[in-house]
N, C-alpha and C. Protein backbone atom coordinates (compact mmCIF):
# COMPACT_ATOMS: atom_id res chain seq x y z
N UNK A 1 10.95 20.50 -2.41
CA UNK A 1 11.19 19.15 -2.89
C UNK A 1 11.31 18.20 -1.70
N UNK A 2 10.63 17.08 -1.79
CA UNK A 2 10.66 16.10 -0.71
C UNK A 2 11.96 15.32 -0.74
N UNK A 3 12.42 14.93 0.45
CA UNK A 3 13.59 14.06 0.50
C UNK A 3 13.13 12.61 0.35
N UNK A 4 14.06 11.70 0.38
CA UNK A 4 13.77 10.29 0.11
C UNK A 4 12.74 9.71 1.08
N UNK A 5 12.94 9.90 2.37
CA UNK A 5 12.03 9.28 3.35
C UNK A 5 10.65 9.91 3.27
N UNK A 6 10.57 11.19 2.95
CA UNK A 6 9.27 11.83 2.78
C UNK A 6 8.52 11.22 1.59
N UNK A 7 9.25 10.94 0.53
CA UNK A 7 8.64 10.27 -0.63
C UNK A 7 8.19 8.86 -0.28
N UNK A 8 8.98 8.16 0.51
CA UNK A 8 8.61 6.81 0.93
C UNK A 8 7.34 6.87 1.78
N UNK A 9 7.27 7.83 2.70
CA UNK A 9 6.08 7.98 3.54
C UNK A 9 4.85 8.34 2.71
N UNK A 10 5.03 9.17 1.69
CA UNK A 10 3.92 9.49 0.78
C UNK A 10 3.43 8.23 0.08
N UNK A 11 4.36 7.41 -0.35
CA UNK A 11 4.00 6.16 -1.00
C UNK A 11 3.21 5.27 -0.06
N UNK A 12 3.63 5.23 1.19
CA UNK A 12 2.93 4.42 2.19
C UNK A 12 1.50 4.93 2.38
N UNK A 13 1.34 6.24 2.44
CA UNK A 13 -0.01 6.82 2.58
C UNK A 13 -0.88 6.46 1.38
N UNK A 14 -0.31 6.54 0.19
CA UNK A 14 -1.07 6.22 -1.01
C UNK A 14 -1.43 4.74 -1.08
N UNK A 15 -0.53 3.88 -0.63
CA UNK A 15 -0.84 2.46 -0.58
C UNK A 15 -1.97 2.18 0.41
N UNK A 16 -1.96 2.87 1.54
CA UNK A 16 -3.04 2.69 2.51
C UNK A 16 -4.38 3.18 1.95
N UNK A 17 -4.35 4.25 1.16
CA UNK A 17 -5.57 4.71 0.49
C UNK A 17 -6.05 3.68 -0.53
N UNK A 18 -5.12 3.10 -1.27
CA UNK A 18 -5.47 2.06 -2.24
C UNK A 18 -6.07 0.86 -1.53
N UNK A 19 -5.51 0.50 -0.39
CA UNK A 19 -6.04 -0.62 0.39
C UNK A 19 -7.48 -0.35 0.80
N UNK A 20 -7.75 0.83 1.31
CA UNK A 20 -9.11 1.19 1.73
C UNK A 20 -10.07 1.15 0.55
N UNK A 21 -9.64 1.63 -0.60
CA UNK A 21 -10.50 1.61 -1.80
C UNK A 21 -10.79 0.18 -2.24
N UNK A 22 -9.77 -0.66 -2.22
CA UNK A 22 -9.98 -2.06 -2.61
C UNK A 22 -10.87 -2.79 -1.61
N UNK A 23 -10.73 -2.48 -0.33
CA UNK A 23 -11.61 -3.09 0.67
C UNK A 23 -13.06 -2.66 0.43
N UNK A 24 -13.25 -1.40 0.07
CA UNK A 24 -14.59 -0.91 -0.25
C UNK A 24 -15.13 -1.63 -1.49
N UNK A 25 -14.29 -1.77 -2.50
CA UNK A 25 -14.70 -2.48 -3.72
C UNK A 25 -15.07 -3.92 -3.40
N UNK A 26 -14.31 -4.54 -2.53
CA UNK A 26 -14.56 -5.93 -2.16
C UNK A 26 -15.92 -6.09 -1.48
N UNK A 27 -16.33 -5.08 -0.74
CA UNK A 27 -17.61 -5.17 -0.02
C UNK A 27 -18.81 -4.92 -0.94
N UNK A 28 -18.57 -4.44 -2.16
CA UNK A 28 -19.69 -4.15 -3.06
C UNK A 28 -19.69 -4.98 -4.33
N UNK A 29 -18.64 -5.75 -4.57
CA UNK A 29 -18.54 -6.53 -5.81
C UNK A 29 -19.57 -7.66 -5.79
N UNK A 30 -20.07 -7.99 -6.97
CA UNK A 30 -21.10 -9.02 -7.07
C UNK A 30 -20.58 -10.33 -7.65
N UNK A 31 -19.89 -10.27 -8.75
CA UNK A 31 -19.46 -11.50 -9.43
C UNK A 31 -18.26 -12.11 -8.72
N UNK A 32 -18.30 -13.43 -8.48
CA UNK A 32 -17.19 -14.11 -7.79
C UNK A 32 -15.84 -13.94 -8.49
N UNK A 33 -15.85 -13.95 -9.82
CA UNK A 33 -14.57 -13.82 -10.53
C UNK A 33 -13.99 -12.42 -10.34
N UNK A 34 -14.84 -11.42 -10.25
CA UNK A 34 -14.36 -10.07 -9.97
C UNK A 34 -13.88 -9.94 -8.53
N UNK A 35 -14.58 -10.62 -7.64
CA UNK A 35 -14.19 -10.60 -6.22
C UNK A 35 -12.78 -11.16 -6.07
N UNK A 36 -12.49 -12.24 -6.80
CA UNK A 36 -11.15 -12.83 -6.72
C UNK A 36 -10.09 -11.87 -7.25
N UNK A 37 -10.39 -11.19 -8.35
CA UNK A 37 -9.44 -10.22 -8.91
C UNK A 37 -9.15 -9.09 -7.91
N UNK A 38 -10.21 -8.60 -7.29
CA UNK A 38 -10.04 -7.52 -6.32
C UNK A 38 -9.28 -8.02 -5.10
N UNK A 39 -9.60 -9.23 -4.63
CA UNK A 39 -8.92 -9.79 -3.47
C UNK A 39 -7.43 -9.99 -3.76
N UNK A 40 -7.12 -10.47 -4.95
CA UNK A 40 -5.72 -10.65 -5.34
C UNK A 40 -4.98 -9.30 -5.35
N UNK A 41 -5.65 -8.28 -5.85
CA UNK A 41 -5.06 -6.94 -5.86
C UNK A 41 -4.85 -6.44 -4.44
N UNK A 42 -5.84 -6.65 -3.59
CA UNK A 42 -5.74 -6.24 -2.19
C UNK A 42 -4.58 -6.95 -1.51
N UNK A 43 -4.44 -8.24 -1.76
CA UNK A 43 -3.32 -8.99 -1.17
C UNK A 43 -1.98 -8.41 -1.61
N UNK A 44 -1.86 -8.05 -2.87
CA UNK A 44 -0.62 -7.45 -3.37
C UNK A 44 -0.33 -6.11 -2.71
N UNK A 45 -1.37 -5.30 -2.56
CA UNK A 45 -1.20 -4.00 -1.92
C UNK A 45 -0.77 -4.19 -0.46
N UNK A 46 -1.38 -5.15 0.22
CA UNK A 46 -1.01 -5.41 1.62
C UNK A 46 0.45 -5.85 1.74
N UNK A 47 0.90 -6.68 0.81
CA UNK A 47 2.31 -7.08 0.80
C UNK A 47 3.21 -5.88 0.55
N UNK A 48 2.80 -5.01 -0.35
CA UNK A 48 3.58 -3.80 -0.63
C UNK A 48 3.64 -2.89 0.59
N UNK A 49 2.53 -2.77 1.30
CA UNK A 49 2.50 -1.95 2.51
C UNK A 49 3.52 -2.48 3.52
N UNK A 50 3.56 -3.80 3.69
CA UNK A 50 4.53 -4.39 4.62
C UNK A 50 5.96 -4.06 4.20
N UNK A 51 6.25 -4.15 2.91
CA UNK A 51 7.60 -3.84 2.42
C UNK A 51 7.97 -2.39 2.68
N UNK A 52 7.04 -1.48 2.39
CA UNK A 52 7.33 -0.06 2.57
C UNK A 52 7.44 0.28 4.05
N UNK A 53 6.59 -0.32 4.89
CA UNK A 53 6.70 -0.10 6.34
C UNK A 53 8.07 -0.56 6.83
N UNK A 54 8.55 -1.66 6.30
CA UNK A 54 9.87 -2.17 6.67
C UNK A 54 10.96 -1.19 6.23
N UNK A 55 10.79 -0.62 5.04
CA UNK A 55 11.77 0.37 4.56
C UNK A 55 11.79 1.59 5.48
N UNK A 56 10.62 2.05 5.90
CA UNK A 56 10.55 3.20 6.80
C UNK A 56 11.21 2.86 8.13
N UNK A 57 10.90 1.69 8.65
CA UNK A 57 11.43 1.28 9.95
C UNK A 57 12.95 1.17 9.94
N UNK A 58 13.50 0.69 8.83
CA UNK A 58 14.94 0.44 8.76
C UNK A 58 15.72 1.55 8.06
N UNK A 59 15.04 2.63 7.70
CA UNK A 59 15.69 3.71 6.96
C UNK A 59 16.77 4.36 7.80
N UNK A 60 17.92 4.54 7.19
CA UNK A 60 19.05 5.15 7.89
C UNK A 60 19.29 6.53 7.29
N UNK A 61 19.20 7.53 8.13
CA UNK A 61 19.47 8.90 7.68
C UNK A 61 20.97 9.05 7.44
N UNK A 62 21.32 9.85 6.47
CA UNK A 62 22.74 10.10 6.22
C UNK A 62 23.29 11.01 7.31
N UNK A 63 24.50 10.73 7.71
CA UNK A 63 25.13 11.59 8.72
C UNK A 63 25.85 12.72 8.01
N UNK A 64 25.56 13.92 8.43
CA UNK A 64 26.14 15.10 7.76
C UNK A 64 27.35 15.61 8.48
């Protein structure tokens, strides 16, 4: 079973994979309205990545 920070790091990895997929989608989309939807999603994922990176950076391990 993963501990808390391991789960957070997994989430960060998955967000980075989602970012790469959305960037790929953005490079192949044709309709402008779809491009905007994908770009908005990409922007949200990028914001989430920043939040999770901040959580990792500031994570405090419990003292045993």
